[in-house]
Amino acid sequence: MAIKQPTSNGYAILWTAYQFQRQFGRPWGNDVCVSAMNGDWDANATNVLCVRYAQSGQRIDVMLDQKNSANIRINWMVVWQ
């Protein structure tokens, strides 16, 4: 999936909580693990640091090591118990 940092602030939204539930058929929970990586280093040399759940925004974000306004391709994997 190609995503973009909103206002170049060091994170990009993977899914809202609603989008996550629609895509995976279950709500976000503490038993969910999301792994993510930069899928195209040549297009955007940004490191993916981690994935977080932002409770206040009801979204799942990928955290990045730099701020920029270019698209970044994210390869991801979701697992749960």
Protein backbone atom coordinates (compact mmCIF):
# COMPACT_ATOMS: atom_id res chain seq x y z
CA MET A 1 0.00 0.00 0.00
CA ALA A 2 1.33 3.46 -0.83
CA ILE A 3 0.70 6.07 1.86
CA LYS A 4 1.69 9.64 2.59
CA GLN A 5 2.51 11.44 5.83
CA PRO A 6 -0.20 13.92 6.74
CA THR A 7 1.50 17.33 7.03
CA SER A 8 4.91 15.61 6.98
CA ASN A 9 4.84 14.88 10.71
CA GLY A 10 6.72 11.57 11.01
CA TYR A 11 3.84 9.11 10.82
CA ALA A 12 1.42 7.84 8.21
CA ILE A 13 -1.98 6.28 8.74
CA LEU A 14 -2.30 2.62 7.74
CA TRP A 15 -5.96 2.25 8.72
CA THR A 16 -8.59 3.88 10.85
CA ALA A 17 -10.09 1.55 13.45
CA TYR A 18 -13.18 1.28 11.22
CA GLN A 19 -11.11 0.40 8.13
CA PHE A 20 -9.18 -2.20 10.12
CA GLN A 21 -12.38 -3.89 11.27
CA ARG A 22 -13.82 -3.89 7.75
CA GLN A 23 -10.64 -5.32 6.23
CA PHE A 24 -9.91 -8.01 8.84
CA GLY A 25 -13.38 -8.81 10.17
CA ARG A 26 -12.49 -8.07 13.78
CA PRO A 27 -11.84 -5.00 15.92
CA TRP A 28 -8.39 -3.80 16.90
CA GLY A 29 -7.25 -5.35 20.21
CA ASN A 30 -4.23 -5.92 22.42
CA ASP A 31 -3.70 -9.33 20.81
CA VAL A 32 -3.06 -7.77 17.35
CA CYS A 33 0.48 -7.36 16.03
CA VAL A 34 1.25 -5.36 12.89
CA SER A 35 4.67 -5.56 11.28
CA ALA A 36 5.59 -3.04 8.57
CA MET A 37 8.54 -2.20 6.35
CA ASN A 38 9.46 0.16 3.54
CA GLY A 39 8.58 -1.71 0.35
CA ASP A 40 10.48 0.52 -2.09
CA TRP A 41 13.67 2.06 -0.71
CA ASP A 42 14.64 3.51 -4.10
CA ALA A 43 11.46 5.60 -4.25
CA ASN A 44 11.65 6.89 -0.65
CA ALA A 45 14.62 6.20 1.64
CA THR A 46 12.63 6.39 4.89
CA ASN A 47 12.95 3.80 7.66
CA VAL A 48 9.85 2.38 9.30
CA LEU A 49 10.42 2.47 13.06
CA CYS A 50 7.27 0.81 14.39
CA VAL A 51 3.49 0.62 14.22
CA ARG A 52 1.28 2.21 16.87
CA TYR A 53 -2.40 2.35 17.74
CA ALA A 54 -3.42 5.96 18.36
CA GLN A 55 -6.33 5.73 20.80
CA SER A 56 -7.24 9.41 20.53
CA GLY A 57 -7.47 9.26 16.74
CA GLN A 58 -8.83 5.70 16.53
CA ARG A 59 -6.21 4.78 13.92
CA ILE A 60 -3.23 2.50 13.28
CA ASP A 61 -0.12 4.47 12.26
CA VAL A 62 3.26 3.53 10.89
CA MET A 63 5.99 5.63 12.55
CA LEU A 64 8.82 6.86 10.31
CA ASP A 65 12.36 8.06 11.00
CA GLN A 66 12.01 11.30 9.07
CA LYS A 67 9.48 13.84 7.96
CA ASN A 68 8.80 14.21 4.25
CA SER A 69 5.87 14.66 1.92
CA ALA A 70 6.68 11.89 -0.57
CA ASN A 71 4.64 8.71 -0.89
CA ILE A 72 6.10 5.65 0.80
CA ARG A 73 5.24 2.06 -0.07
CA ILE A 74 4.50 0.02 3.03
CA ASN A 75 4.57 -3.77 3.10
CA TRP A 76 2.70 -5.02 6.16
CA MET A 77 1.64 -8.18 7.98
CA VAL A 78 -1.12 -8.49 10.57
CA VAL A 79 -1.34 -11.39 13.05
CA TRP A 80 -3.40 -12.10 16.17
CA GLN A 81 -4.13 -14.97 18.52
